[in-house]
Amino acid sequence: MNTKQITAAVVLFAAAGAALAEAPYPPETKFVSTKTRAEVLAELKQAQAQGLITNGNNYPITVQPRSTLTRSQVISQLKPAATDSTYSGA
Protein backbone atom coordinates (compact mmCIF):
# COMPACT_ATOMS: atom_id res chain seq x y z
CA MET A 1 0.00 0.00 0.00
CA ASN A 2 2.77 2.43 0.90
CA THR A 3 4.61 1.88 -2.36
CA LYS A 4 1.46 2.67 -4.32
CA GLN A 5 0.96 5.92 -2.42
CA ILE A 6 4.61 6.92 -2.78
CA THR A 7 4.55 6.13 -6.50
CA ALA A 8 1.36 8.14 -6.96
CA ALA A 9 2.84 11.10 -5.06
CA VAL A 10 6.03 11.04 -7.13
CA VAL A 11 4.02 10.92 -10.37
CA LEU A 12 1.78 13.76 -9.15
CA PHE A 13 4.74 15.98 -8.19
CA ALA A 14 6.51 15.24 -11.47
CA ALA A 15 3.41 16.20 -13.44
CA ALA A 16 3.00 19.43 -11.45
CA GLY A 17 6.66 20.34 -11.99
CA ALA A 18 6.41 19.67 -15.70
CA ALA A 19 3.30 21.85 -15.97
CA LEU A 20 5.06 24.78 -14.29
CA ALA A 21 8.22 24.36 -16.35
CA GLU A 22 6.43 25.00 -19.64
CA ALA A 23 5.81 28.74 -19.16
CA PRO A 24 9.03 30.78 -18.96
CA TYR A 25 9.01 33.74 -16.61
CA PRO A 26 9.45 36.51 -17.55
CA PRO A 27 8.08 35.91 -21.04
CA GLU A 28 10.82 35.85 -23.62
CA THR A 29 10.82 38.70 -26.10
CA LYS A 30 13.02 38.78 -29.16
CA PHE A 31 15.58 41.59 -29.16
CA VAL A 32 16.01 43.50 -32.41
CA SER A 33 18.81 46.04 -32.56
CA THR A 34 18.25 49.34 -34.33
CA LYS A 35 21.94 50.27 -34.49
CA THR A 36 24.77 48.93 -36.58
CA ARG A 37 27.94 47.47 -35.11
CA ALA A 38 29.89 50.55 -36.22
CA GLU A 39 27.47 52.87 -34.39
CA VAL A 40 27.77 50.85 -31.19
CA LEU A 41 31.58 50.87 -31.39
CA ALA A 42 31.59 54.63 -32.00
CA GLU A 43 29.40 55.18 -28.91
CA LEU A 44 31.71 52.93 -26.87
CA LYS A 45 34.81 54.88 -27.90
CA GLN A 46 33.09 58.17 -27.09
CA ALA A 47 32.02 56.91 -23.64
CA GLN A 48 35.55 55.65 -22.95
CA ALA A 49 36.98 59.04 -23.93
CA GLN A 50 34.59 60.77 -21.51
CA GLY A 51 35.51 58.39 -18.68
CA LEU A 52 32.06 56.82 -18.45
CA ILE A 53 33.26 53.24 -18.99
CA THR A 54 35.13 51.51 -16.20
CA ASN A 55 36.75 48.14 -15.70
CA GLY A 56 35.95 46.25 -12.53
CA ASN A 57 33.35 46.97 -9.89
CA ASN A 58 33.62 50.75 -9.73
CA TYR A 59 29.95 51.59 -9.97
CA PRO A 60 28.18 53.99 -10.05
CA ILE A 61 30.29 56.22 -12.23
CA THR A 62 30.02 59.87 -11.27
CA VAL A 63 31.67 62.62 -13.25
CA GLN A 64 33.23 65.22 -10.97
CA PRO A 65 32.59 68.81 -12.06
CA ARG A 66 35.61 71.03 -12.60
CA SER A 67 36.16 73.76 -10.03
CA THR A 68 36.35 77.36 -11.16
CA LEU A 69 38.13 78.47 -7.97
CA THR A 70 41.86 78.85 -7.62
CA ARG A 71 43.82 77.22 -4.82
CA SER A 72 44.21 80.51 -2.95
CA GLN A 73 40.44 81.15 -3.13
CA VAL A 74 39.69 77.72 -1.66
CA ILE A 75 42.21 78.26 1.16
CA SER A 76 40.73 81.67 1.97
CA GLN A 77 37.27 80.06 2.21
CA LEU A 78 38.55 77.38 4.59
CA LYS A 79 40.27 79.74 7.07
CA PRO A 80 37.08 81.21 8.62
CA ALA A 81 35.54 77.75 8.90
CA ALA A 82 38.56 76.43 10.80
CA THR A 83 38.39 79.18 13.45
CA ASP A 84 34.58 79.35 13.89
CA SER A 85 33.97 75.67 14.49
CA THR A 86 31.14 74.72 16.84
CA TYR A 87 32.40 71.16 17.17
CA SER A 88 33.46 70.46 20.74
CA GLY A 89 34.73 66.93 20.32
CA ALA A 90 33.40 63.62 21.47
PDB file of N, CA and C in Angstrom:
ATOM      1  N   MET A   1       0.812  -1.194   0.000  1.00  0.00           N
ATOM      2  CA  MET A   1       0.000   0.000   0.000  1.00  0.00           C
ATOM      3  C   MET A   1       0.859   1.262   0.000  1.00  0.00           C
ATOM      4  N   ASN A   2       1.894   1.271   0.819  1.00  0.00           N
ATOM      5  CA  ASN A   2       2.770   2.432   0.896  1.00  0.00           C
ATOM      6  C   ASN A   2       3.475   2.710  -0.421  1.00  0.00           C
ATOM      7  N   THR A   3       3.916   1.669  -1.088  1.00  0.00           N
ATOM      8  CA  THR A   3       4.615   1.879  -2.356  1.00  0.00           C
ATOM      9  C   THR A   3       3.688   2.463  -3.396  1.00  0.00           C
ATOM     10  N   LYS A   4       2.420   2.111  -3.365  1.00  0.00           N
ATOM     11  CA  LYS A   4       1.457   2.672  -4.317  1.00  0.00           C
ATOM     12  C   LYS A   4       1.250   4.170  -4.036  1.00  0.00           C
ATOM     13  N   GLN A   5       1.166   4.510  -2.780  1.00  0.00           N
ATOM     14  CA  GLN A   5       0.963   5.918  -2.424  1.00  0.00           C
ATOM     15  C   GLN A   5       2.203   6.749  -2.747  1.00  0.00           C
ATOM     16  N   ILE A   6       3.368   6.207  -2.474  1.00  0.00           N
ATOM     17  CA  ILE A   6       4.612   6.921  -2.778  1.00  0.00           C
ATOM     18  C   ILE A   6       4.761   7.093  -4.282  1.00  0.00           C
ATOM     19  N   THR A   7       4.456   6.052  -5.042  1.00  0.00           N
ATOM     20  CA  THR A   7       4.546   6.128  -6.496  1.00  0.00           C
ATOM     21  C   THR A   7       3.556   7.161  -7.041  1.00  0.00           C
ATOM     22  N   ALA A   8       2.366   7.173  -6.511  1.00  0.00           N
ATOM     23  CA  ALA A   8       1.363   8.137  -6.956  1.00  0.00           C
ATOM     24  C   ALA A   8       1.795   9.567  -6.620  1.00  0.00           C
ATOM     25  N   ALA A   9       2.382   9.766  -5.450  1.00  0.00           N
ATOM     26  CA  ALA A   9       2.841  11.101  -5.056  1.00  0.00           C
ATOM     27  C   ALA A   9       3.985  11.565  -5.947  1.00  0.00           C
ATOM     28  N   VAL A  10       4.896  10.685  -6.256  1.00  0.00           N
ATOM     29  CA  VAL A  10       6.026  11.039  -7.128  1.00  0.00           C
ATOM     30  C   VAL A  10       5.526  11.406  -8.517  1.00  0.00           C
ATOM     31  N   VAL A  11       4.580  10.631  -9.052  1.00  0.00           N
ATOM     32  CA  VAL A  11       4.022  10.919 -10.369  1.00  0.00           C
ATOM     33  C   VAL A  11       3.281  12.248 -10.342  1.00  0.00           C
ATOM     34  N   LEU A  12       2.530  12.514  -9.272  1.00  0.00           N
ATOM     35  CA  LEU A  12       1.785  13.761  -9.149  1.00  0.00           C
ATOM     36  C   LEU A  12       2.728  14.966  -9.091  1.00  0.00           C
ATOM     37  N   PHE A  13       3.780  14.873  -8.287  1.00  0.00           N
ATOM     38  CA  PHE A  13       4.740  15.979  -8.189  1.00  0.00           C
ATOM     39  C   PHE A  13       5.499  16.185  -9.495  1.00  0.00           C
ATOM     40  N   ALA A  14       5.819  15.119 -10.182  1.00  0.00           N
ATOM     41  CA  ALA A  14       6.509  15.239 -11.468  1.00  0.00           C
ATOM     42  C   ALA A  14       5.611  15.915 -12.501  1.00  0.00           C
ATOM     43  N   ALA A  15       4.330  15.578 -12.495  1.00  0.00           N
ATOM     44  CA  ALA A  15       3.406  16.199 -13.439  1.00  0.00           C
ATOM     45  C   ALA A  15       3.220  17.677 -13.123  1.00  0.00           C
ATOM     46  N   ALA A  16       3.150  18.019 -11.837  1.00  0.00           N
ATOM     47  CA  ALA A  16       2.997  19.427 -11.454  1.00  0.00           C
ATOM     48  C   ALA A  16       4.251  20.215 -11.832  1.00  0.00           C
ATOM     49  N   GLY A  17       5.419  19.660 -11.629  1.00  0.00           N
ATOM     50  CA  GLY A  17       6.664  20.336 -11.993  1.00  0.00           C
ATOM     51  C   GLY A  17       6.785  20.536 -13.487  1.00  0.00           C
ATOM     52  N   ALA A  18       6.347  19.552 -14.249  1.00  0.00           N
ATOM     53  CA  ALA A  18       6.405  19.668 -15.703  1.00  0.00           C
ATOM     54  C   ALA A  18       5.428  20.731 -16.200  1.00  0.00           C
ATOM     55  N   ALA A  19       4.283  20.849 -15.555  1.00  0.00           N
ATOM     56  CA  ALA A  19       3.299  21.854 -15.965  1.00  0.00           C
ATOM     57  C   ALA A  19       3.819  23.260 -15.704  1.00  0.00           C
ATOM     58  N   LEU A  20       4.526  23.462 -14.607  1.00  0.00           N
ATOM     59  CA  LEU A  20       5.063  24.783 -14.289  1.00  0.00           C
ATOM     60  C   LEU A  20       6.287  25.130 -15.127  1.00  0.00           C
ATOM     61  N   ALA A  21       6.993  24.113 -15.595  1.00  0.00           N
ATOM     62  CA  ALA A  21       8.216  24.356 -16.347  1.00  0.00           C
ATOM     63  C   ALA A  21       7.952  24.787 -17.781  1.00  0.00           C
ATOM     64  N   GLU A  22       6.731  24.678 -18.248  1.00  0.00           N
ATOM     65  CA  GLU A  22       6.432  25.004 -19.640  1.00  0.00           C
ATOM     66  C   GLU A  22       6.386  26.505 -19.912  1.00  0.00           C
ATOM     67  N   ALA A  23       5.980  27.301 -18.943  1.00  0.00           N
ATOM     68  CA  ALA A  23       5.813  28.736 -19.155  1.00  0.00           C
ATOM     69  C   ALA A  23       7.032  29.486 -18.601  1.00  0.00           C
ATOM     70  N   PRO A  24       7.876  30.037 -19.461  1.00  0.00           N
ATOM     71  CA  PRO A  24       9.034  30.777 -18.955  1.00  0.00           C
ATOM     72  C   PRO A  24       8.601  32.099 -18.319  1.00  0.00           C
ATOM     73  N   TYR A  25       9.300  32.469 -17.257  1.00  0.00           N
ATOM     74  CA  TYR A  25       9.011  33.741 -16.613  1.00  0.00           C
ATOM     75  C   TYR A  25      10.302  34.496 -16.457  1.00  0.00           C
ATOM     76  N   PRO A  26      10.415  35.704 -16.827  1.00  0.00           N
ATOM     77  CA  PRO A  26       9.446  36.514 -17.554  1.00  0.00           C
ATOM     78  C   PRO A  26       9.341  36.038 -18.996  1.00  0.00           C
ATOM     79  N   PRO A  27       8.257  36.366 -19.654  1.00  0.00           N
ATOM     80  CA  PRO A  27       8.076  35.909 -21.040  1.00  0.00           C
ATOM     81  C   PRO A  27       9.227  36.391 -21.923  1.00  0.00           C
ATOM     82  N   GLU A  28       9.703  35.511 -22.752  1.00  0.00           N
ATOM     83  CA  GLU A  28      10.824  35.846 -23.616  1.00  0.00           C
ATOM     84  C   GLU A  28      10.365  36.741 -24.755  1.00  0.00           C
ATOM     85  N   THR A  29      11.101  37.817 -24.973  1.00  0.00           N
ATOM     86  CA  THR A  29      10.817  38.696 -26.099  1.00  0.00           C
ATOM     87  C   THR A  29      12.074  38.772 -26.961  1.00  0.00           C
ATOM     88  N   LYS A  30      11.883  38.755 -28.250  1.00  0.00           N
ATOM     89  CA  LYS A  30      13.018  38.778 -29.160  1.00  0.00           C
ATOM     90  C   LYS A  30      13.584  40.190 -29.230  1.00  0.00           C
ATOM     91  N   PHE A  31      14.908  40.304 -29.104  1.00  0.00           N
ATOM     92  CA  PHE A  31      15.578  41.593 -29.165  1.00  0.00           C
ATOM     93  C   PHE A  31      15.977  41.882 -30.601  1.00  0.00           C
ATOM     94  N   VAL A  32      15.629  43.067 -31.070  1.00  0.00           N
ATOM     95  CA  VAL A  32      16.010  43.502 -32.413  1.00  0.00           C
ATOM     96  C   VAL A  32      16.749  44.822 -32.271  1.00  0.00           C
ATOM     97  N   SER A  33      17.998  44.845 -32.682  1.00  0.00           N
ATOM     98  CA  SER A  33      18.812  46.043 -32.562  1.00  0.00           C
ATOM     99  C   SER A  33      18.478  47.023 -33.670  1.00  0.00           C
ATOM    100  N   THR A  34      18.504  48.300 -33.332  1.00  0.00           N
ATOM    101  CA  THR A  34      18.250  49.338 -34.327  1.00  0.00           C
ATOM    102  C   THR A  34      19.530  50.043 -34.749  1.00  0.00           C
ATOM    103  N   LYS A  35      20.664  49.636 -34.166  1.00  0.00           N
ATOM    104  CA  LYS A  35      21.944  50.268 -34.488  1.00  0.00           C
ATOM    105  C   LYS A  35      22.872  49.257 -35.154  1.00  0.00           C
ATOM    106  N   THR A  36      23.783  49.796 -35.950  1.00  0.00           N
ATOM    107  CA  THR A  36      24.773  48.935 -36.580  1.00  0.00           C
ATOM    108  C   THR A  36      25.933  48.716 -35.625  1.00  0.00           C
ATOM    109  N   ARG A  37      26.769  47.759 -35.946  1.00  0.00           N
ATOM    110  CA  ARG A  37      27.939  47.472 -35.112  1.00  0.00           C
ATOM    111  C   ARG A  37      28.868  48.685 -35.063  1.00  0.00           C
ATOM    112  N   ALA A  38      29.014  49.372 -36.166  1.00  0.00           N
ATOM    113  CA  ALA A  38      29.887  50.547 -36.222  1.00  0.00           C
ATOM    114  C   ALA A  38      29.360  51.668 -35.317  1.00  0.00           C
ATOM    115  N   GLU A  39      28.046  51.844 -35.266  1.00  0.00           N
ATOM    116  CA  GLU A  39      27.471  52.872 -34.393  1.00  0.00           C
ATOM    117  C   GLU A  39      27.699  52.541 -32.920  1.00  0.00           C
ATOM    118  N   VAL A  40      27.555  51.268 -32.580  1.00  0.00           N
ATOM    119  CA  VAL A  40      27.773  50.854 -31.193  1.00  0.00           C
ATOM    120  C   VAL A  40      29.237  51.049 -30.810  1.00  0.00           C
ATOM    121  N   LEU A  41      30.150  50.686 -31.680  1.00  0.00           N
ATOM    122  CA  LEU A  41      31.577  50.865 -31.386  1.00  0.00           C
ATOM    123  C   LEU A  41      31.935  52.341 -31.264  1.00  0.00           C
ATOM    124  N   ALA A  42      31.327  53.194 -32.088  1.00  0.00           N
ATOM    125  CA  ALA A  42      31.591  54.632 -31.999  1.00  0.00           C
ATOM    126  C   ALA A  42      31.088  55.183 -30.663  1.00  0.00           C
ATOM    127  N   GLU A  43      29.917  54.734 -30.213  1.00  0.00           N
ATOM    128  CA  GLU A  43      29.400  55.176 -28.912  1.00  0.00           C
ATOM    129  C   GLU A  43      30.287  54.689 -27.772  1.00  0.00           C
ATOM    130  N   LEU A  44      30.815  53.469 -27.893  1.00  0.00           N
ATOM    131  CA  LEU A  44      31.710  52.930 -26.871  1.00  0.00           C
ATOM    132  C   LEU A  44      32.986  53.748 -26.783  1.00  0.00           C
ATOM    133  N   LYS A  45      33.577  54.075 -27.916  1.00  0.00           N
ATOM    134  CA  LYS A  45      34.808  54.879 -27.903  1.00  0.00           C
ATOM    135  C   LYS A  45      34.556  56.264 -27.327  1.00  0.00           C
ATOM    136  N   GLN A  46      33.417  56.853 -27.630  1.00  0.00           N
ATOM    137  CA  GLN A  46      33.088  58.166 -27.093  1.00  0.00           C
ATOM    138  C   GLN A  46      32.904  58.100 -25.574  1.00  0.00           C
ATOM    139  N   ALA A  47      32.224  57.065 -25.083  1.00  0.00           N
ATOM    140  CA  ALA A  47      32.019  56.915 -23.642  1.00  0.00           C
ATOM    141  C   ALA A  47      33.341  56.654 -22.923  1.00  0.00           C
ATOM    142  N   GLN A  48      34.237  55.893 -23.544  1.00  0.00           N
ATOM    143  CA  GLN A  48      35.548  55.651 -22.949  1.00  0.00           C
ATOM    144  C   GLN A  48      36.355  56.940 -22.887  1.00  0.00           C
ATOM    145  N   ALA A  49      36.254  57.771 -23.916  1.00  0.00           N
ATOM    146  CA  ALA A  49      36.984  59.040 -23.931  1.00  0.00           C
ATOM    147  C   ALA A  49      36.465  59.986 -22.856  1.00  0.00           C
ATOM    148  N   GLN A  50      35.176  59.908 -22.535  1.00  0.00           N
ATOM    149  CA  GLN A  50      34.586  60.767 -21.511  1.00  0.00           C
ATOM    150  C   GLN A  50      34.763  60.205 -20.104  1.00  0.00           C
ATOM    151  N   GLY A  51      35.312  58.993 -19.989  1.00  0.00           N
ATOM    152  CA  GLY A  51      35.515  58.387 -18.684  1.00  0.00           C
ATOM    153  C   GLY A  51      34.269  57.750 -18.103  1.00  0.00           C
ATOM    154  N   LEU A  52      33.309  57.406 -18.935  1.00  0.00           N
ATOM    155  CA  LEU A  52      32.063  56.816 -18.450  1.00  0.00           C
ATOM    156  C   LEU A  52      32.100  55.295 -18.408  1.00  0.00           C
ATOM    157  N   ILE A  53      33.121  54.696 -18.990  1.00  0.00           N
ATOM    158  CA  ILE A  53      33.259  53.240 -18.992  1.00  0.00           C
ATOM    159  C   ILE A  53      34.386  52.885 -18.039  1.00  0.00           C
ATOM    160  N   THR A  54      34.123  51.925 -17.173  1.00  0.00           N
ATOM    161  CA  THR A  54      35.127  51.508 -16.203  1.00  0.00           C
ATOM    162  C   THR A  54      35.344  50.010 -16.289  1.00  0.00           C
ATOM    163  N   ASN A  55      36.466  49.560 -15.796  1.00  0.00           N
ATOM    164  CA  ASN A  55      36.752  48.138 -15.701  1.00  0.00           C
ATOM    165  C   ASN A  55      36.705  47.759 -14.232  1.00  0.00           C
ATOM    166  N   GLY A  56      36.049  46.681 -13.916  1.00  0.00           N
ATOM    167  CA  GLY A  56      35.952  46.246 -12.533  1.00  0.00           C
ATOM    168  C   GLY A  56      34.619  46.632 -11.932  1.00  0.00           C
ATOM    169  N   ASN A  57      34.587  46.708 -10.618  1.00  0.00           N
ATOM    170  CA  ASN A  57      33.352  46.975  -9.887  1.00  0.00           C
ATOM    171  C   ASN A  57      33.353  48.385  -9.328  1.00  0.00           C
ATOM    172  N   ASN A  58      33.567  49.368 -10.162  1.00  0.00           N
ATOM    173  CA  ASN A  58      33.624  50.753  -9.732  1.00  0.00           C
ATOM    174  C   ASN A  58      32.347  51.490 -10.073  1.00  0.00           C
ATOM    175  N   TYR A  59      31.225  50.977  -9.639  1.00  0.00           N
ATOM    176  CA  TYR A  59      29.949  51.593  -9.975  1.00  0.00           C
ATOM    177  C   TYR A  59      29.366  52.265  -8.770  1.00  0.00           C
ATOM    178  N   PRO A  60      28.545  53.265  -8.851  1.00  0.00           N
ATOM    179  CA  PRO A  60      28.175  53.992 -10.055  1.00  0.00           C
ATOM    180  C   PRO A  60      29.262  54.982 -10.457  1.00  0.00           C
ATOM    181  N   ILE A  61      29.301  55.287 -11.716  1.00  0.00           N
ATOM    182  CA  ILE A  61      30.293  56.219 -12.234  1.00  0.00           C
ATOM    183  C   ILE A  61      29.728  57.619 -12.103  1.00  0.00           C
ATOM    184  N   THR A  62      30.446  58.480 -11.408  1.00  0.00           N
ATOM    185  CA  THR A  62      30.021  59.869 -11.274  1.00  0.00           C
ATOM    186  C   THR A  62      31.111  60.759 -11.842  1.00  0.00           C
ATOM    187  N   VAL A  63      30.717  61.685 -12.647  1.00  0.00           N
ATOM    188  CA  VAL A  63      31.665  62.617 -13.248  1.00  0.00           C
ATOM    189  C   VAL A  63      31.781  63.821 -12.330  1.00  0.00           C
ATOM    190  N   GLN A  64      32.998  64.107 -11.874  1.00  0.00           N
ATOM    191  CA  GLN A  64      33.231  65.219 -10.969  1.00  0.00           C
ATOM    192  C   GLN A  64      33.290  66.520 -11.760  1.00  0.00           C
ATOM    193  N   PRO A  65      32.534  67.527 -11.340  1.00  0.00           N
ATOM    194  CA  PRO A  65      32.590  68.811 -12.056  1.00  0.00           C
ATOM    195  C   PRO A  65      33.919  69.523 -11.778  1.00  0.00           C
ATOM    196  N   ARG A  66      34.374  70.261 -12.740  1.00  0.00           N
ATOM    197  CA  ARG A  66      35.608  71.027 -12.602  1.00  0.00           C
ATOM    198  C   ARG A  66      35.360  72.263 -11.755  1.00  0.00           C
ATOM    199  N   SER A  67      36.291  72.583 -10.884  1.00  0.00           N
ATOM    200  CA  SER A  67      36.164  73.757 -10.026  1.00  0.00           C
ATOM    201  C   SER A  67      36.632  74.996 -10.781  1.00  0.00           C
ATOM    202  N   THR A  68      35.951  76.099 -10.543  1.00  0.00           N
ATOM    203  CA  THR A  68      36.346  77.357 -11.164  1.00  0.00           C
ATOM    204  C   THR A  68      37.168  78.207 -10.204  1.00  0.00           C
ATOM    205  N   LEU A  69      37.368  77.721  -8.964  1.00  0.00           N
ATOM    206  CA  LEU A  69      38.128  78.473  -7.969  1.00  0.00           C
ATOM    207  C   LEU A  69      39.605  78.137  -8.041  1.00  0.00           C
ATOM    208  N   THR A  70      40.429  79.102  -7.700  1.00  0.00           N
ATOM    209  CA  THR A  70      41.862  78.853  -7.624  1.00  0.00           C
ATOM    210  C   THR A  70      42.190  78.271  -6.250  1.00  0.00           C
ATOM    211  N   ARG A  71      43.392  77.802  -6.098  1.00  0.00           N
ATOM    212  CA  ARG A  71      43.825  77.215  -4.823  1.00  0.00           C
ATOM    213  C   ARG A  71      43.768  78.249  -3.705  1.00  0.00           C
ATOM    214  N   SER A  72      44.212  79.478  -3.984  1.00  0.00           N
ATOM    215  CA  SER A  72      44.207  80.506  -2.946  1.00  0.00           C
ATOM    216  C   SER A  72      42.782  80.879  -2.535  1.00  0.00           C
ATOM    217  N   GLN A  73      41.829  80.854  -3.473  1.00  0.00           N
ATOM    218  CA  GLN A  73      40.441  81.147  -3.126  1.00  0.00           C
ATOM    219  C   GLN A  73      39.864  80.058  -2.217  1.00  0.00           C
ATOM    220  N   VAL A  74      40.183  78.824  -2.487  1.00  0.00           N
ATOM    221  CA  VAL A  74      39.693  77.723  -1.660  1.00  0.00           C
ATOM    222  C   VAL A  74      40.284  77.825  -0.255  1.00  0.00           C
ATOM    223  N   ILE A  75      41.566  78.135  -0.151  1.00  0.00           N
ATOM    224  CA  ILE A  75      42.211  78.259   1.162  1.00  0.00           C
ATOM    225  C   ILE A  75      41.613  79.421   1.939  1.00  0.00           C
ATOM    226  N   SER A  76      41.327  80.533   1.271  1.00  0.00           N
ATOM    227  CA  SER A  76      40.731  81.668   1.968  1.00  0.00           C
ATOM    228  C   SER A  76      39.302  81.349   2.446  1.00  0.00           C
ATOM    229  N   GLN A  77      38.592  80.481   1.759  1.00  0.00           N
ATOM    230  CA  GLN A  77      37.268  80.060   2.211  1.00  0.00           C
ATOM    231  C   GLN A  77      37.358  79.117   3.408  1.00  0.00           C
ATOM    232  N   LEU A  78      38.412  78.344   3.504  1.00  0.00           N
ATOM    233  CA  LEU A  78      38.555  77.383   4.588  1.00  0.00           C
ATOM    234  C   LEU A  78      39.016  78.021   5.893  1.00  0.00           C
ATOM    235  N   LYS A  79      39.735  79.119   5.855  1.00  0.00           N
ATOM    236  CA  LYS A  79      40.272  79.745   7.074  1.00  0.00           C
ATOM    237  C   LYS A  79      39.181  80.162   8.056  1.00  0.00           C
ATOM    238  N   PRO A  80      38.112  80.852   7.643  1.00  0.00           N
ATOM    239  CA  PRO A  80      37.079  81.210   8.623  1.00  0.00           C
ATOM    240  C   PRO A  80      36.370  79.981   9.200  1.00  0.00           C
ATOM    241  N   ALA A  81      36.214  78.947   8.415  1.00  0.00           N
ATOM    242  CA  ALA A  81      35.540  77.747   8.901  1.00  0.00           C
ATOM    243  C   ALA A  81      36.383  77.036   9.952  1.00  0.00           C
ATOM    244  N   ALA A  82      37.688  77.100   9.840  1.00  0.00           N
ATOM    245  CA  ALA A  82      38.564  76.430  10.795  1.00  0.00           C
ATOM    246  C   ALA A  82      38.552  77.133  12.153  1.00  0.00           C
ATOM    247  N   THR A  83      38.362  78.453  12.185  1.00  0.00           N
ATOM    248  CA  THR A  83      38.394  79.183  13.453  1.00  0.00           C
ATOM    249  C   THR A  83      37.020  79.277  14.117  1.00  0.00           C
ATOM    250  N   ASP A  84      35.930  79.200  13.351  1.00  0.00           N
ATOM    251  CA  ASP A  84      34.582  79.353  13.894  1.00  0.00           C
ATOM    252  C   ASP A  84      33.872  78.013  14.036  1.00  0.00           C
ATOM    253  N   SER A  85      34.580  76.993  14.393  1.00  0.00           N
ATOM    254  CA  SER A  85      33.974  75.674  14.488  1.00  0.00           C
ATOM    255  C   SER A  85      33.157  75.534  15.772  1.00  0.00           C
ATOM    256  N   THR A  86      31.975  74.963  15.672  1.00  0.00           N
ATOM    257  CA  THR A  86      31.138  74.722  16.844  1.00  0.00           C
ATOM    258  C   THR A  86      31.297  73.300  17.359  1.00  0.00           C
ATOM    259  N   TYR A  87      32.170  72.542  16.746  1.00  0.00           N
ATOM    260  CA  TYR A  87      32.401  71.161  17.172  1.00  0.00           C
ATOM    261  C   TYR A  87      33.234  71.159  18.442  1.00  0.00           C
ATOM    262  N   SER A  88      32.760  70.455  19.464  1.00  0.00           N
ATOM    263  CA  SER A  88      33.465  70.461  20.744  1.00  0.00           C
ATOM    264  C   SER A  88      34.133  69.134  21.037  1.00  0.00           C
ATOM    265  N   GLY A  89      34.059  68.222  20.121  1.00  0.00           N
ATOM    266  CA  GLY A  89      34.728  66.927  20.321  1.00  0.00           C
ATOM    267  C   GLY A  89      33.798  65.915  20.947  1.00  0.00           C
ATOM    268  N   ALA A  90      34.243  64.692  20.938  1.00  0.00           N
ATOM    269  CA  ALA A  90      33.398  63.617  21.469  1.00  0.00           C
ATOM    270  C   ALA A  90      33.842  63.206  22.840  1.00  0.00           C
TER     271      ALA A  90
END
